Amino acid sequence: MAISYVEDIASEYYRIKGYLISRDVHYQVPKEISKKRVAGWKDIDILALNEKEALIIECKGFTGTTKASEMYKKLVDDFRSAEEYCVKNIPLFKDKRIRKVLVVDYSTKKLDDMLSKANIEIYHLENLMKDFLKILKPRLDTYRMGKEEHPMTRTLLFLVKKGFLKERLEEI
């Protein structure tokens, strides 16, 4: 499994917001969906749950590797099969509002517009990081290095506290 910086940042962001996180949730799909002669496997990058909602989150560094229409079809199909799997197989999804979220570093406006019309939320990594820093900003007064925090949160707090992200923090 490749390491995904988008997935790492997104999962810690949603954890800090109070969601229970599960990453790389693998599930089997029938051969009609896998488009192979046998059943295949897919994975959900991040499942994020709280008391009211369940998020199915796909993470991409870049969505411009194929035509917008092809990427749109792939993402819509992936979200559809992921939602079907979750509703049928994960009891914690029962009675929750389900949101489909794409967290992406670089995307095209055309694809973003298409996905929005399909009720898929697009969260650009830059905006997610700004929100992440807003959440962490009040914690600066009580900041101290400790093993209690997730390494990414500790790293961000360290960078902010030591002034490495000063310009960005002043924008918030």
Protein backbone atom coordinates (compact mmCIF):
# COMPACT_ATOMS: atom_id res chain seq x y z
CA MET A 1 0.00 0.00 0.00
CA ALA A 2 1.40 3.39 -1.00
CA ILE A 3 1.63 6.15 1.56
CA SER A 4 -0.81 8.96 0.78
CA TYR A 5 -0.08 12.37 2.25
CA VAL A 6 -3.65 13.45 1.42
CA GLU A 7 -5.06 10.44 3.25
CA ASP A 8 -2.77 10.98 6.25
CA ILE A 9 -3.73 14.65 6.62
CA ALA A 10 -7.44 14.04 6.02
CA SER A 11 -7.69 11.19 8.52
CA GLU A 12 -6.00 13.20 11.27
CA TYR A 13 -8.13 16.26 10.46
CA TYR A 14 -11.35 14.29 10.86
CA ARG A 15 -10.03 12.52 13.98
CA ILE A 16 -9.25 15.88 15.59
CA LYS A 17 -12.83 16.96 14.71
CA GLY A 18 -14.18 14.05 16.77
CA TYR A 19 -14.78 11.37 14.17
CA LEU A 20 -13.94 7.72 14.68
CA ILE A 21 -11.60 6.86 11.79
CA SER A 22 -11.03 3.65 9.89
CA ARG A 23 -8.61 3.65 6.95
CA ASP A 24 -8.19 1.40 3.93
CA VAL A 25 -11.43 -0.52 4.37
CA HIS A 26 -11.34 -3.33 1.80
CA TYR A 27 -14.50 -4.89 0.44
CA GLN A 28 -15.37 -7.32 -2.29
CA VAL A 29 -17.39 -6.36 -5.34
CA PRO A 30 -19.13 -8.68 -7.81
CA LYS A 31 -17.58 -9.30 -11.21
CA GLU A 32 -20.17 -6.98 -12.81
CA ILE A 33 -18.59 -4.10 -10.91
CA SER A 34 -14.98 -5.29 -11.11
CA LYS A 35 -15.46 -5.77 -14.88
CA LYS A 36 -13.37 -8.91 -14.65
CA ARG A 37 -14.24 -12.57 -14.96
CA VAL A 38 -14.18 -12.89 -11.18
CA ALA A 39 -15.19 -10.79 -8.20
CA GLY A 40 -12.74 -8.05 -7.31
CA TRP A 41 -11.71 -5.84 -4.44
CA LYS A 42 -12.03 -2.13 -3.78
CA ASP A 43 -11.12 -0.04 -0.79
CA ILE A 44 -12.45 3.01 0.95
CA ASP A 45 -9.65 5.40 1.86
CA ILE A 46 -11.29 6.69 5.04
CA LEU A 47 -14.51 6.00 6.90
CA ALA A 48 -15.26 8.72 9.44
CA LEU A 49 -18.11 8.27 11.92
CA ASN A 50 -19.58 10.40 14.66
CA GLU A 51 -22.90 10.22 16.47
CA LYS A 52 -24.83 11.90 13.62
CA GLU A 53 -23.11 11.13 10.36
CA ALA A 54 -20.94 8.74 8.42
CA LEU A 55 -18.44 10.00 5.87
CA ILE A 56 -17.09 7.96 2.99
CA ILE A 57 -13.88 9.74 2.05
CA GLU A 58 -11.80 9.23 -1.06
CA CYS A 59 -8.39 10.92 -1.17
CA LYS A 60 -6.50 11.91 -4.29
CA GLY A 61 -3.34 13.87 -4.84
CA PHE A 62 -4.35 14.71 -8.41
CA THR A 63 -7.51 14.02 -10.41
CA GLY A 64 -6.22 15.07 -13.81
CA THR A 65 -4.70 11.73 -14.76
CA THR A 66 -7.67 10.97 -17.04
CA LYS A 67 -10.42 12.96 -18.73
CA ALA A 68 -12.83 14.64 -16.32
CA SER A 69 -15.71 12.48 -17.58
CA GLU A 70 -13.74 9.25 -16.95
CA MET A 71 -12.60 10.34 -13.48
CA TYR A 72 -16.17 11.42 -12.68
CA LYS A 73 -17.56 8.01 -13.65
CA LYS A 74 -14.88 6.20 -11.64
CA LEU A 75 -15.44 8.29 -8.52
CA VAL A 76 -19.24 8.11 -8.71
CA ASP A 77 -19.06 4.33 -9.17
CA ASP A 78 -16.57 3.98 -6.30
CA PHE A 79 -18.73 6.05 -3.95
CA ARG A 80 -21.86 4.14 -4.96
CA SER A 81 -20.33 0.72 -4.32
CA ALA A 82 -18.71 1.91 -1.09
CA GLU A 83 -22.02 3.26 0.20
CA GLU A 84 -23.82 0.02 -0.69
CA TYR A 85 -21.17 -2.00 1.13
CA CYS A 86 -21.26 0.22 4.22
CA VAL A 87 -25.04 0.30 4.52
CA LYS A 88 -25.28 -3.50 4.19
CA ASN A 89 -22.28 -4.50 6.31
CA ILE A 90 -21.45 -1.85 8.91
CA PRO A 91 -24.05 -1.53 11.67
CA LEU A 92 -22.64 1.86 12.74
CA PHE A 93 -23.94 3.30 9.46
CA LYS A 94 -27.53 2.66 10.47
CA ASP A 95 -29.60 5.82 11.07
CA LYS A 96 -26.74 8.15 10.16
CA ARG A 97 -26.60 10.83 7.51
CA ILE A 98 -24.14 9.61 4.87
CA ARG A 99 -21.83 12.10 3.18
CA LYS A 100 -19.51 11.37 0.27
CA VAL A 101 -16.34 13.45 0.38
CA LEU A 102 -13.43 13.77 -2.01
CA VAL A 103 -10.31 15.27 -0.45
CA VAL A 104 -7.94 16.31 -3.23
CA ASP A 105 -4.74 18.29 -3.53
CA TYR A 106 -5.04 19.21 -7.22
CA SER A 107 -8.25 18.98 -9.22
CA THR A 108 -9.97 20.58 -12.18
CA LYS A 109 -12.90 22.94 -11.92
CA LYS A 110 -14.80 20.92 -14.51
CA LEU A 111 -14.55 17.74 -12.42
CA ASP A 112 -15.33 19.60 -9.19
CA ASP A 113 -18.51 21.00 -10.76
CA MET A 114 -19.57 17.58 -12.05
CA LEU A 115 -19.00 15.93 -8.66
CA SER A 116 -20.84 18.67 -6.79
CA LYS A 117 -23.91 18.05 -8.93
CA ALA A 118 -23.69 14.36 -7.92
CA ASN A 119 -23.80 15.34 -4.21
CA ILE A 120 -20.12 14.57 -3.68
CA GLU A 121 -18.41 17.17 -1.51
CA ILE A 122 -15.00 18.34 -2.70
CA TYR A 123 -12.56 19.45 -0.07
CA HIS A 124 -9.30 20.85 -1.42
CA LEU A 125 -6.32 19.97 0.72
CA GLU A 126 -5.23 23.60 1.06
CA ASN A 127 -8.61 24.55 2.57
CA LEU A 128 -8.62 21.47 4.78
CA MET A 129 -5.18 22.49 6.13
CA LYS A 130 -6.45 26.01 6.84
CA ASP A 131 -9.37 24.54 8.80
CA PHE A 132 -6.98 22.15 10.56
CA LEU A 133 -4.79 25.08 11.67
CA LYS A 134 -7.89 26.98 12.87
CA ILE A 135 -8.76 24.01 15.07
CA LEU A 136 -5.21 23.79 16.40
CA LYS A 137 -4.71 27.56 16.93
CA PRO A 138 -6.50 27.71 20.33
CA ARG A 139 -4.35 24.81 21.52
CA LEU A 140 -1.11 26.78 21.08
CA ASP A 141 -1.35 28.29 24.57
CA THR A 142 -1.43 24.88 26.17
CA TYR A 143 0.94 23.27 23.67
CA ARG A 144 3.70 21.09 24.96
CA MET A 145 5.38 18.22 23.23
CA GLY A 146 3.95 14.97 24.38
CA LYS A 147 3.21 11.55 23.07
CA GLU A 148 -0.53 11.95 23.63
CA GLU A 149 -1.09 13.66 20.30
CA HIS A 150 -0.98 12.01 16.92
CA PRO A 151 2.45 12.61 15.28
CA MET A 152 0.93 14.78 12.55
CA THR A 153 -0.81 17.01 15.07
CA ARG A 154 2.36 17.25 17.16
CA THR A 155 4.33 18.16 14.04
CA LEU A 156 1.87 20.87 13.00
CA LEU A 157 1.74 22.30 16.53
CA PHE A 158 5.55 22.32 16.62
CA LEU A 159 5.80 24.08 13.24
CA VAL A 160 3.26 26.70 14.26
CA LYS A 161 4.75 27.24 17.74
CA LYS A 162 8.28 27.63 16.35
CA GLY A 163 7.12 30.09 13.67
CA PHE A 164 7.59 27.94 10.59
CA LEU A 165 3.95 28.46 9.59
CA LYS A 166 3.62 32.00 10.95
CA GLU A 167 2.48 33.60 7.67
CA ARG A 168 -0.19 30.99 7.11
CA LEU A 169 -1.45 31.23 10.67
CA GLU A 170 -1.76 35.01 10.39
CA GLU A 171 -4.09 34.53 7.38
CA ILE A 172 -6.49 32.54 9.55
